[in-house]
Amino acid sequence: MLDNQSRITLWQTEPAALLYAQMLQGCLREYAGLEVPFTRGKPRAGDAVLTVDTALPQNRYTLSIMPECITLKAGSDEALCNGVQTLCQYIEQHGAVLPALEIEDWPDLANRGYYQDCSRGRVPKLDYLKQVADILCRYKINQWQLYIEHTYLFRDLSEAWREDTPLTAQEIMELDDYCAARHIELVPSLSTFGHMYRILSTKTCCDLCELPDSEKIPFSYTYAGNHHTLNVSNPDALGFVKGLIDEYRPLFRSSKFNICDDETFDLGKGRSKALAEEQSERSLYLSHVKALCEYLVAQGVTPQFWGDIMWRFPESCAELPKETICLNWGYLPHQRENEIRDIAASGITQYACPGVCGWNRWMPLMYNSYLNIRTMCHHAHKYNAIGLLNTDWGDYGHVNDPRLTIPGVLYGAAFGWNAEPVEFDELNEAVSRLYYGDTTGQFAGLMAKLQDYEVFDWRNTVNWIECDEKTRA
């Protein structure tokens, strides 16, 4: 099929397609033993042709592998990138002798995201983050969020990050550039209400914390995770988080911003108690979220927030700007549809947000993750959610090796692209062959069985270490 006269030919493509030609060239070198140069211009017989055909829908590509040539046509540059990933997967499986085929492919969900915790444990280096971006591109995940509480180098918050190795503005901008070339939208995500432990426990910012003297309590995973909500009754609180947003948001191309605002456990229980009794906890929560959403919309930015609090009063969604997106999460294997159904009924736009089920575990619950992602994807389609955001949280220090959650990430990629049910064993066989290079197709399935041998998980370990002697006895 391809020989020493063949070329990877770019025909009527954007300049960015050079990167996809390089990806294909590297794949042919590694898996087929062929050194195929690339060029630009009118293709010849025997070439591997990458071309944009505007007659196709923008999200669609066709791939034809015939004895005389390989032809990949796409409706847009992004679809061309996705098509190259499919072609590379065939080369990885078959080497230089590819099966003859013709396929037409497109995603079921336009927004297919991955959410990575970079705050509650290890802070990844830029080189590693670029490796993650390569994985996301290979499996057609087109949105990515890094969860930041304090692990970005805010210029005036050295008390919060000085014991960590925070991501810098230069690193974020470089990563954003790297992602954009691979059609991954790097969406900024920042805690602006709950889960602000490191910031609100500093001498500089402790007065903004809901609980008085909270900064004097020694660190523990359980206390840090369950407390440190912003005191929204403080007149300086809203301006403070707006300042954080103003410093962080310009680093990104994305026109979206996730303000988080989940798990505000302390709201109305400390410094804002009197105001909560006067106005209600609902009013306090909604007022802060609405103000931030309106602030972003006024700048042409689409706000996102986690939906666990708002689901208690979904009718209040109508008070938020119409551009707002609710990130509706739920992590049970057979997660009920109530939350997504009720938010859909409120009229607000939403993503369905399942998870890789690795938090608080030595070994991720891979079968739970598979069921959860499949179920949430079903809910997404039933209630017209516009995307899937697959979460990878790091509660209690992100103890598990991040490589162990890769199968869960790929389950999200699979169901985000194609909502048709695929059995667990079949999906694990594909993950084994495509990601791990296991020709037997057994590795991921065997890996999934390891969860059955964890008898004392990390959550129980932390609770045992951090509880008092009386409770432990």
Protein backbone atom coordinates (compact mmCIF):
# COMPACT_ATOMS: atom_id res chain seq x y z
CA MET A 1 0.00 0.00 0.00
CA LEU A 2 2.45 2.68 1.20
CA ASP A 3 5.95 2.34 -0.27
CA ASN A 4 9.14 4.38 -0.68
CA GLN A 5 7.41 6.60 -3.27
CA SER A 6 4.46 7.41 -1.03
CA ARG A 7 3.94 10.72 0.71
CA ILE A 8 1.66 12.04 3.40
CA THR A 9 0.06 14.77 1.31
CA LEU A 10 -1.74 17.79 2.74
CA TRP A 11 -4.29 19.02 0.22
CA GLN A 12 -6.45 22.09 0.81
CA THR A 13 -5.77 22.09 4.55
CA GLU A 14 -5.07 24.73 7.15
CA PRO A 15 -1.41 25.35 8.12
CA ALA A 16 -2.17 23.68 11.47
CA ALA A 17 -2.54 20.34 9.67
CA LEU A 18 1.24 20.08 9.55
CA LEU A 19 1.08 18.83 13.14
CA TYR A 20 -1.32 16.02 12.18
CA ALA A 21 0.99 15.00 9.34
CA GLN A 22 3.80 14.78 11.87
CA MET A 23 1.62 12.65 14.14
CA LEU A 24 0.84 10.27 11.28
CA GLN A 25 4.47 10.18 10.18
CA GLY A 26 5.59 9.26 13.71
CA CYS A 27 2.96 6.54 13.96
CA LEU A 28 4.01 4.98 10.63
CA ARG A 29 7.63 5.05 11.72
CA GLU A 30 6.96 3.38 15.07
CA TYR A 31 4.29 0.83 14.16
CA ALA A 32 4.81 0.13 10.46
CA GLY A 33 8.55 0.61 10.13
CA LEU A 34 8.01 3.12 7.31
CA GLU A 35 9.65 6.50 6.89
CA VAL A 36 7.04 8.43 4.90
CA PRO A 37 7.82 12.10 4.11
CA PHE A 38 5.03 14.63 4.05
CA THR A 39 4.34 17.32 1.50
CA ARG A 40 1.67 19.77 0.45
CA GLY A 41 -0.05 19.90 -2.93
CA LYS A 42 -1.98 17.73 -5.35
CA PRO A 43 -1.78 14.08 -4.27
CA ARG A 44 -0.58 11.16 -6.37
CA ALA A 45 -1.58 7.50 -6.41
CA GLY A 46 -0.13 5.68 -3.43
CA ASP A 47 -0.21 8.70 -1.11
CA ALA A 48 -1.88 9.08 2.25
CA VAL A 49 -4.00 12.16 1.61
CA LEU A 50 -5.25 14.49 4.33
CA THR A 51 -7.76 17.02 3.05
CA VAL A 52 -10.53 19.33 4.20
CA ASP A 53 -13.79 19.00 2.26
CA THR A 54 -16.25 21.75 3.17
CA ALA A 55 -19.08 19.69 1.67
CA LEU A 56 -18.91 17.57 4.82
CA PRO A 57 -20.43 18.73 8.12
CA GLN A 58 -17.79 20.44 10.22
CA ASN A 59 -17.62 17.72 12.86
CA ARG A 60 -17.43 14.80 10.40
CA TYR A 61 -14.67 12.93 8.60
CA THR A 62 -14.47 10.01 6.17
CA LEU A 63 -11.59 7.57 5.99
CA SER A 64 -10.98 5.35 2.97
CA ILE A 65 -8.18 2.77 2.96
CA MET A 66 -7.80 1.19 -0.46
CA PRO A 67 -4.90 -0.56 -2.23
CA GLU A 68 -4.20 2.50 -4.35
CA CYS A 69 -4.31 5.17 -1.61
CA ILE A 70 -5.43 6.29 1.84
CA THR A 71 -7.80 9.25 1.82
CA LEU A 72 -8.92 11.15 4.88
CA LYS A 73 -11.48 13.90 4.22
CA ALA A 74 -12.80 16.15 6.97
CA GLY A 75 -15.31 18.95 7.27
CA SER A 76 -12.96 21.09 9.39
CA ASP A 77 -9.45 21.22 10.75
CA GLU A 78 -10.64 19.76 14.06
CA ALA A 79 -12.37 16.87 12.31
CA LEU A 80 -9.17 16.27 10.32
CA CYS A 81 -7.22 16.02 13.57
CA ASN A 82 -9.79 13.50 14.89
CA GLY A 83 -9.61 11.47 11.69
CA VAL A 84 -5.82 11.24 11.93
CA GLN A 85 -6.20 9.78 15.44
CA THR A 86 -8.47 7.05 14.03
CA LEU A 87 -6.02 6.29 11.22
CA CYS A 88 -3.18 6.10 13.74
CA GLN A 89 -5.17 3.62 15.82
CA TYR A 90 -5.55 1.36 12.79
CA ILE A 91 -1.83 1.58 12.10
CA GLU A 92 -1.04 0.73 15.72
CA GLN A 93 -3.17 -2.42 15.42
CA HIS A 94 -2.21 -3.58 11.92
CA GLY A 95 1.19 -2.12 11.13
CA ALA A 96 1.99 -1.67 7.44
CA VAL A 97 -0.75 -4.04 6.24
CA LEU A 98 -3.94 -2.12 6.81
CA PRO A 99 -7.42 -3.55 6.22
CA ALA A 100 -9.41 -2.07 3.34
CA LEU A 101 -12.25 -0.01 4.76
CA GLU A 102 -14.44 3.03 4.38
CA ILE A 103 -15.86 4.77 7.43
CA GLU A 104 -17.74 7.97 8.19
CA ASP A 105 -17.50 9.20 11.75
CA TRP A 106 -18.58 12.06 14.03
CA PRO A 107 -19.09 12.64 17.77
CA ASP A 108 -22.41 12.22 19.54
CA LEU A 109 -21.53 15.01 22.00
CA ALA A 110 -19.83 18.19 20.84
CA ASN A 111 -18.20 18.86 24.23
CA ARG A 112 -16.14 15.95 25.57
CA GLY A 113 -14.16 16.99 28.61
CA TYR A 114 -11.71 15.79 31.24
CA TYR A 115 -11.41 17.44 34.67
CA GLN A 116 -8.12 16.97 36.51
CA ASP A 117 -7.49 17.86 40.15
CA CYS A 118 -4.21 19.80 40.43
CA SER A 119 -4.72 21.15 43.96
CA ARG A 120 -5.22 18.43 46.55
CA GLY A 121 -1.99 16.51 46.24
CA ARG A 122 0.66 16.45 43.53
CA VAL A 123 0.92 19.50 41.31
CA PRO A 124 1.84 18.25 37.83
CA LYS A 125 4.77 19.68 35.89
CA LEU A 126 4.29 21.22 32.47
CA ASP A 127 6.03 18.36 30.68
CA TYR A 128 3.61 15.89 32.26
CA LEU A 129 0.60 18.05 31.43
CA LYS A 130 1.69 18.07 27.78
CA GLN A 131 1.76 14.27 27.89
CA VAL A 132 -1.81 14.30 29.19
CA ALA A 133 -2.78 16.66 26.38
CA ASP A 134 -1.35 14.19 23.86
CA ILE A 135 -3.51 11.42 25.36
CA LEU A 136 -6.62 13.60 25.26
CA CYS A 137 -5.95 14.49 21.63
CA ARG A 138 -5.36 10.86 20.65
CA TYR A 139 -8.73 9.87 22.09
CA LYS A 140 -10.63 12.94 20.82
CA ILE A 141 -11.31 14.65 24.15
CA ASN A 142 -11.68 18.30 23.22
CA GLN A 143 -12.04 20.09 26.58
CA TRP A 144 -9.81 20.00 29.64
CA GLN A 145 -9.99 21.72 33.01
CA LEU A 146 -7.35 21.85 35.73
CA TYR A 147 -8.88 22.19 39.19
CA ILE A 148 -7.14 25.07 40.97
CA GLU A 149 -7.67 26.14 44.57
CA HIS A 150 -4.30 27.69 45.41
CA THR A 151 -1.83 25.94 43.11
CA TYR A 152 -1.53 28.74 40.61
CA LEU A 153 1.10 31.35 41.43
CA PHE A 154 -1.16 34.27 42.25
CA ARG A 155 1.11 37.25 42.64
CA ASP A 156 -0.22 38.37 46.03
CA LEU A 157 -0.92 34.96 47.62
CA SER A 158 2.52 33.54 48.36
CA GLU A 159 1.33 32.51 51.84
CA ALA A 160 -1.09 30.07 50.19
CA TRP A 161 1.24 28.43 47.66
CA ARG A 162 4.75 28.76 49.09
CA GLU A 163 4.82 25.16 50.35
CA ASP A 164 3.82 23.86 46.90
CA THR A 165 5.22 24.17 43.39
CA PRO A 166 2.41 26.18 41.79
CA LEU A 167 1.76 26.47 38.09
CA THR A 168 2.95 29.77 36.69
CA ALA A 169 1.34 32.13 34.20
CA GLN A 170 4.00 31.24 31.64
CA GLU A 171 3.30 27.51 32.07
CA ILE A 172 -0.46 27.97 31.74
CA MET A 173 -0.08 30.03 28.57
CA GLU A 174 2.33 27.52 27.06
CA LEU A 175 -0.03 24.65 27.91
CA ASP A 176 -2.96 26.57 26.46
CA ASP A 177 -1.01 27.02 23.23
CA TYR A 178 -0.08 23.33 23.16
CA CYS A 179 -3.71 22.32 23.70
CA ALA A 180 -5.10 24.70 21.07
CA ALA A 181 -2.86 23.15 18.40
CA ARG A 182 -4.50 19.80 19.26
CA HIS A 183 -8.06 21.16 19.33
CA ILE A 184 -8.35 20.90 23.10
CA GLU A 185 -10.04 23.84 24.78
CA LEU A 186 -8.23 24.46 28.06
CA VAL A 187 -10.97 25.91 30.28
CA PRO A 188 -9.95 27.80 33.44
CA SER A 189 -11.41 26.44 36.68
CA LEU A 190 -10.98 28.15 40.03
CA SER A 191 -12.52 27.74 43.49
CA THR A 192 -14.35 30.97 44.30
CA PHE A 193 -16.66 29.98 47.19
CA GLY A 194 -16.08 26.60 48.85
CA HIS A 195 -12.85 24.55 49.02
CA MET A 196 -10.60 27.56 49.59
CA TYR A 197 -8.64 26.06 52.52
CA ARG A 198 -5.09 27.15 51.69
CA ILE A 199 -6.10 30.70 50.80
CA LEU A 200 -8.55 31.29 53.65
CA SER A 201 -6.22 29.81 56.28
CA THR A 202 -3.52 32.43 55.65
CA LYS A 203 -3.00 35.44 57.92
CA THR A 204 -3.74 37.74 55.00
CA CYS A 205 -7.08 36.20 54.02
CA CYS A 206 -8.41 34.47 57.15
CA ASP A 207 -10.90 37.27 57.82
CA LEU A 208 -12.65 36.24 54.58
CA CYS A 209 -13.30 32.73 55.94
CA GLU A 210 -16.79 31.78 57.12
CA LEU A 211 -15.51 30.14 60.32
CA PRO A 212 -13.72 32.39 62.81
CA ASP A 213 -10.25 31.23 63.95
CA SER A 214 -10.34 28.39 61.45
CA GLU A 215 -6.79 29.23 60.42
CA LYS A 216 -5.55 28.32 63.92
CA ILE A 217 -6.61 24.67 63.59
CA PRO A 218 -3.75 22.38 62.49
CA PHE A 219 -4.01 20.98 58.99
CA SER A 220 -5.77 17.68 58.43
CA TYR A 221 -7.24 16.25 55.25
CA THR A 222 -10.67 15.83 56.81
CA TYR A 223 -10.85 19.37 58.22
CA ALA A 224 -9.46 21.03 55.07
CA GLY A 225 -11.91 19.11 52.88
CA ASN A 226 -14.99 19.87 54.96
CA HIS A 227 -14.49 23.54 55.73
CA HIS A 228 -13.12 26.87 54.49
CA THR A 229 -16.01 28.47 52.68
CA LEU A 230 -15.81 32.14 51.70
CA ASN A 231 -17.71 34.47 54.04
CA VAL A 232 -19.99 36.19 51.52
CA SER A 233 -21.32 38.57 54.19
CA ASN A 234 -17.88 40.24 54.18
CA PRO A 235 -18.12 43.26 51.86
CA ASP A 236 -14.61 42.53 50.55
CA ALA A 237 -15.30 38.88 49.62
CA LEU A 238 -16.79 39.38 46.16
CA GLY A 239 -14.11 41.86 45.12
CA PHE A 240 -11.41 39.46 46.33
CA VAL A 241 -12.52 36.54 44.16
CA LYS A 242 -13.15 38.83 41.21
CA GLY A 243 -9.52 39.86 41.54
CA LEU A 244 -8.44 36.21 41.39
CA ILE A 245 -10.55 35.70 38.27
CA ASP A 246 -9.11 38.83 36.66
CA GLU A 247 -5.58 37.58 37.20
CA TYR A 248 -6.21 34.02 36.03
CA ARG A 249 -8.69 34.26 33.16
CA PRO A 250 -6.55 36.22 30.63
CA LEU A 251 -4.08 33.32 30.44
CA PHE A 252 -6.58 31.25 28.45
CA ARG A 253 -8.02 31.39 24.94
CA SER A 254 -11.24 29.85 26.19
CA SER A 255 -14.38 31.95 26.45
CA LYS A 256 -15.57 29.73 29.34
CA PHE A 257 -14.74 29.96 33.05
CA ASN A 258 -15.65 27.46 35.77
CA ILE A 259 -16.21 29.26 39.08
CA CYS A 260 -16.85 25.88 40.83
CA ASP A 261 -18.90 27.05 43.87
CA ASP A 262 -19.61 23.50 45.06
CA GLU A 263 -19.79 21.99 48.56
CA THR A 264 -20.15 25.24 50.50
CA PHE A 265 -20.46 23.25 53.71
CA ASP A 266 -19.98 26.15 56.14
CA LEU A 267 -22.29 28.65 54.46
CA GLY A 268 -24.45 30.41 57.07
CA LYS A 269 -22.82 28.58 59.98
CA GLY A 270 -20.25 31.17 61.06
CA ARG A 271 -19.69 34.81 60.28
CA SER A 272 -22.64 34.93 57.86
CA LYS A 273 -25.06 33.17 60.21
CA ALA A 274 -27.04 36.31 61.04
CA LEU A 275 -27.38 37.23 57.38
CA ALA A 276 -28.41 33.66 56.51
CA GLU A 277 -31.11 33.77 59.17
CA GLU A 278 -32.33 37.05 57.74
CA GLN A 279 -32.18 36.12 54.04
CA SER A 280 -31.82 32.27 53.91
CA GLU A 281 -28.86 30.12 52.92
CA ARG A 282 -30.32 29.83 49.42
CA SER A 283 -30.27 33.59 49.00
CA LEU A 284 -26.66 33.85 50.18
CA TYR A 285 -25.53 31.15 47.80
CA LEU A 286 -27.47 32.40 44.80
CA SER A 287 -26.43 36.02 45.31
CA HIS A 288 -22.71 35.15 45.16
CA VAL A 289 -23.01 32.77 42.21
CA LYS A 290 -25.20 35.19 40.28
CA ALA A 291 -22.82 38.10 40.87
CA LEU A 292 -19.85 36.11 39.56
CA CYS A 293 -21.78 34.80 36.56
CA GLU A 294 -22.94 38.28 35.64
CA TYR A 295 -19.40 39.59 36.06
CA LEU A 296 -18.10 37.01 33.57
CA VAL A 297 -20.95 37.41 31.08
CA ALA A 298 -20.34 41.16 31.00
CA GLN A 299 -16.84 40.33 29.73
CA GLY A 300 -18.13 37.97 27.03
CA VAL A 301 -17.30 34.86 29.06
CA THR A 302 -19.57 31.83 29.57
CA PRO A 303 -19.69 30.92 33.29
CA GLN A 304 -19.81 27.35 34.52
CA PHE A 305 -20.50 26.08 38.06
CA TRP A 306 -20.96 22.74 39.81
CA GLY A 307 -24.64 21.95 40.33
CA ASP A 308 -24.78 20.14 43.69
CA ILE A 309 -26.05 23.15 45.66
CA MET A 310 -28.29 24.66 42.99
CA TRP A 311 -30.09 21.35 42.50
CA ARG A 312 -31.73 21.89 45.89
CA PHE A 313 -33.62 24.83 44.39
CA PRO A 314 -33.45 24.38 40.60
CA GLU A 315 -36.13 27.01 40.02
CA SER A 316 -33.48 29.56 40.99
CA CYS A 317 -31.50 28.73 37.86
CA ALA A 318 -33.80 31.14 36.04
CA GLU A 319 -32.19 33.97 38.01
CA LEU A 320 -28.75 33.25 36.55
CA PRO A 321 -27.62 34.69 33.20
CA LYS A 322 -28.96 32.59 30.32
CA GLU A 323 -25.38 31.90 29.17
CA THR A 324 -24.55 29.99 32.38
CA ILE A 325 -23.71 26.27 32.19
CA CYS A 326 -24.45 23.94 35.11
CA LEU A 327 -21.91 21.13 35.61
CA ASN A 328 -24.21 18.45 36.97
CA TRP A 329 -22.23 15.73 38.75
CA GLY A 330 -23.07 12.37 40.26
CA TYR A 331 -20.78 9.41 40.84
CA LEU A 332 -22.86 6.36 41.73
CA PRO A 333 -22.60 3.35 39.39
CA HIS A 334 -26.29 3.66 38.53
CA GLN A 335 -26.59 7.38 39.18
CA ARG A 336 -30.21 8.50 39.28
CA GLU A 337 -31.44 10.99 36.70
CA ASN A 338 -33.23 13.33 39.13
CA GLU A 339 -30.56 16.03 39.24
CA ILE A 340 -30.10 16.22 35.48
CA ARG A 341 -33.85 15.98 34.90
CA ASP A 342 -34.63 18.82 37.32
CA ILE A 343 -31.91 21.13 36.05
CA ALA A 344 -33.07 20.44 32.48
CA ALA A 345 -36.61 21.39 33.49
CA SER A 346 -35.29 24.70 34.84
CA GLY A 347 -34.21 25.60 31.32
CA ILE A 348 -30.50 26.07 32.07
CA THR A 349 -27.79 24.53 29.87
CA GLN A 350 -25.81 21.71 31.45
CA TYR A 351 -23.06 19.12 31.12
CA ALA A 352 -23.35 15.66 32.65
CA CYS A 353 -20.32 15.04 34.87
CA PRO A 354 -19.40 11.46 35.82
CA GLY A 355 -16.05 10.37 37.26
CA VAL A 356 -13.11 8.00 37.03
CA CYS A 357 -13.80 6.89 40.64
CA GLY A 358 -10.20 7.02 41.79
CA TRP A 359 -10.51 9.49 44.66
CA ASN A 360 -9.86 8.17 48.19
CA ARG A 361 -8.70 4.86 46.76
CA TRP A 362 -5.38 3.12 46.28
CA MET A 363 -6.89 1.55 43.17
CA PRO A 364 -9.70 3.17 41.14
CA LEU A 365 -13.09 1.48 41.03
CA MET A 366 -12.94 0.83 37.30
CA TYR A 367 -16.23 -1.05 36.99
CA ASN A 368 -18.03 1.63 39.01
CA SER A 369 -16.49 4.25 36.74
CA TYR A 370 -17.62 2.41 33.62
CA LEU A 371 -21.20 2.13 34.89
CA ASN A 372 -21.27 5.72 36.12
CA ILE A 373 -19.98 7.19 32.85
CA ARG A 374 -22.31 5.04 30.74
CA THR A 375 -25.30 6.00 32.90
CA MET A 376 -24.50 9.72 32.97
CA CYS A 377 -23.97 9.74 29.21
CA HIS A 378 -27.44 8.22 28.82
CA HIS A 379 -28.90 10.97 31.02
CA ALA A 380 -27.01 13.59 29.00
CA HIS A 381 -28.67 12.50 25.78
CA LYS A 382 -32.10 12.00 27.35
CA TYR A 383 -32.18 15.53 28.76
CA ASN A 384 -30.26 17.31 25.99
CA ALA A 385 -27.10 18.12 27.92
CA ILE A 386 -24.52 19.68 25.63
CA GLY A 387 -21.47 17.90 26.97
CA LEU A 388 -19.79 15.29 29.16
CA LEU A 389 -17.10 16.36 31.67
CA ASN A 390 -15.37 13.32 33.16
CA THR A 391 -13.90 14.17 36.57
CA ASP A 392 -10.70 12.98 38.27
CA TRP A 393 -10.69 14.35 41.82
CA GLY A 394 -7.86 14.24 44.36
CA ASP A 395 -9.58 14.25 47.75
CA TYR A 396 -7.30 13.57 50.71
CA GLY A 397 -4.07 14.15 48.83
CA HIS A 398 -4.62 12.37 45.50
CA VAL A 399 -2.89 9.24 46.76
CA ASN A 400 -3.43 6.97 43.75
CA ASP A 401 -0.99 6.90 40.86
CA PRO A 402 -2.51 9.07 38.08
CA ARG A 403 -1.69 6.40 35.51
CA LEU A 404 -4.26 4.14 37.17
CA THR A 405 -7.16 6.38 36.18
CA ILE A 406 -6.31 6.31 32.46
CA PRO A 407 -8.92 3.57 31.75
CA GLY A 408 -11.59 5.77 33.36
CA VAL A 409 -10.46 8.70 31.21
CA LEU A 410 -10.77 6.52 28.12
CA TYR A 411 -14.23 5.26 29.14
CA GLY A 412 -15.28 8.91 29.13
CA ALA A 413 -13.70 9.42 25.73
CA ALA A 414 -15.52 6.39 24.34
CA PHE A 415 -19.00 7.27 25.62
CA GLY A 416 -18.59 10.96 24.87
CA TRP A 417 -17.88 10.12 21.23
CA ASN A 418 -20.36 7.27 20.81
CA ALA A 419 -23.29 6.95 23.20
CA GLU A 420 -24.16 3.41 22.04
CA PRO A 421 -23.71 0.95 24.93
CA VAL A 422 -20.48 -1.05 24.87
CA GLU A 423 -19.99 -3.89 27.32
CA PHE A 424 -17.32 -3.56 30.02
CA ASP A 425 -15.18 -6.43 28.76
CA GLU A 426 -15.32 -5.20 25.18
CA LEU A 427 -14.31 -1.70 26.16
CA ASN A 428 -11.46 -2.99 28.34
CA GLU A 429 -10.20 -5.08 25.45
CA ALA A 430 -10.08 -1.97 23.26
CA VAL A 431 -8.30 0.01 26.00
CA SER A 432 -5.78 -2.84 26.40
CA ARG A 433 -4.97 -2.97 22.72
CA LEU A 434 -5.07 0.73 21.85
CA TYR A 435 -3.54 2.35 24.92
CA TYR A 436 -1.44 -0.36 26.57
CA GLY A 437 -0.35 -2.12 23.39
CA ASP A 438 -1.47 -5.48 24.76
CA THR A 439 -2.19 -7.73 21.80
CA THR A 440 -4.08 -10.18 24.05
CA GLY A 441 -6.58 -7.48 25.01
CA GLN A 442 -6.57 -8.63 28.64
CA PHE A 443 -4.54 -6.05 30.56
CA ALA A 444 -7.26 -3.51 31.45
CA GLY A 445 -9.67 -6.26 32.46
CA LEU A 446 -7.08 -7.74 34.82
CA MET A 447 -6.31 -4.28 36.12
CA ALA A 448 -10.00 -3.79 36.94
CA LYS A 449 -9.97 -6.88 39.16
CA LEU A 450 -7.42 -5.27 41.50
CA GLN A 451 -10.17 -3.17 43.09
CA ASP A 452 -11.52 -6.34 44.70
CA TYR A 453 -8.33 -6.74 46.74
CA GLU A 454 -8.40 -3.36 48.47
CA VAL A 455 -9.66 -4.07 51.98
CA PHE A 456 -8.72 -0.80 53.73
CA ASP A 457 -9.09 2.14 51.37
CA TRP A 458 -7.37 5.51 51.62
CA ARG A 459 -10.43 7.30 53.07
CA ASN A 460 -10.55 4.86 55.98
CA THR A 461 -6.78 5.15 56.39
CA VAL A 462 -6.97 8.95 56.65
CA ASN A 463 -9.95 8.86 58.99
CA TRP A 464 -8.12 6.39 61.25
CA ILE A 465 -4.91 8.45 61.30
CA GLU A 466 -6.67 11.76 61.92
CA CYS A 467 -9.34 10.74 64.43
CA ASP A 468 -8.79 11.06 68.17
CA GLU A 469 -7.55 8.18 70.31
CA LYS A 470 -11.00 7.58 71.82
CA THR A 471 -12.65 7.22 68.42
CA ARG A 472 -9.80 5.07 67.12
CA ALA A 473 -10.12 2.68 70.05
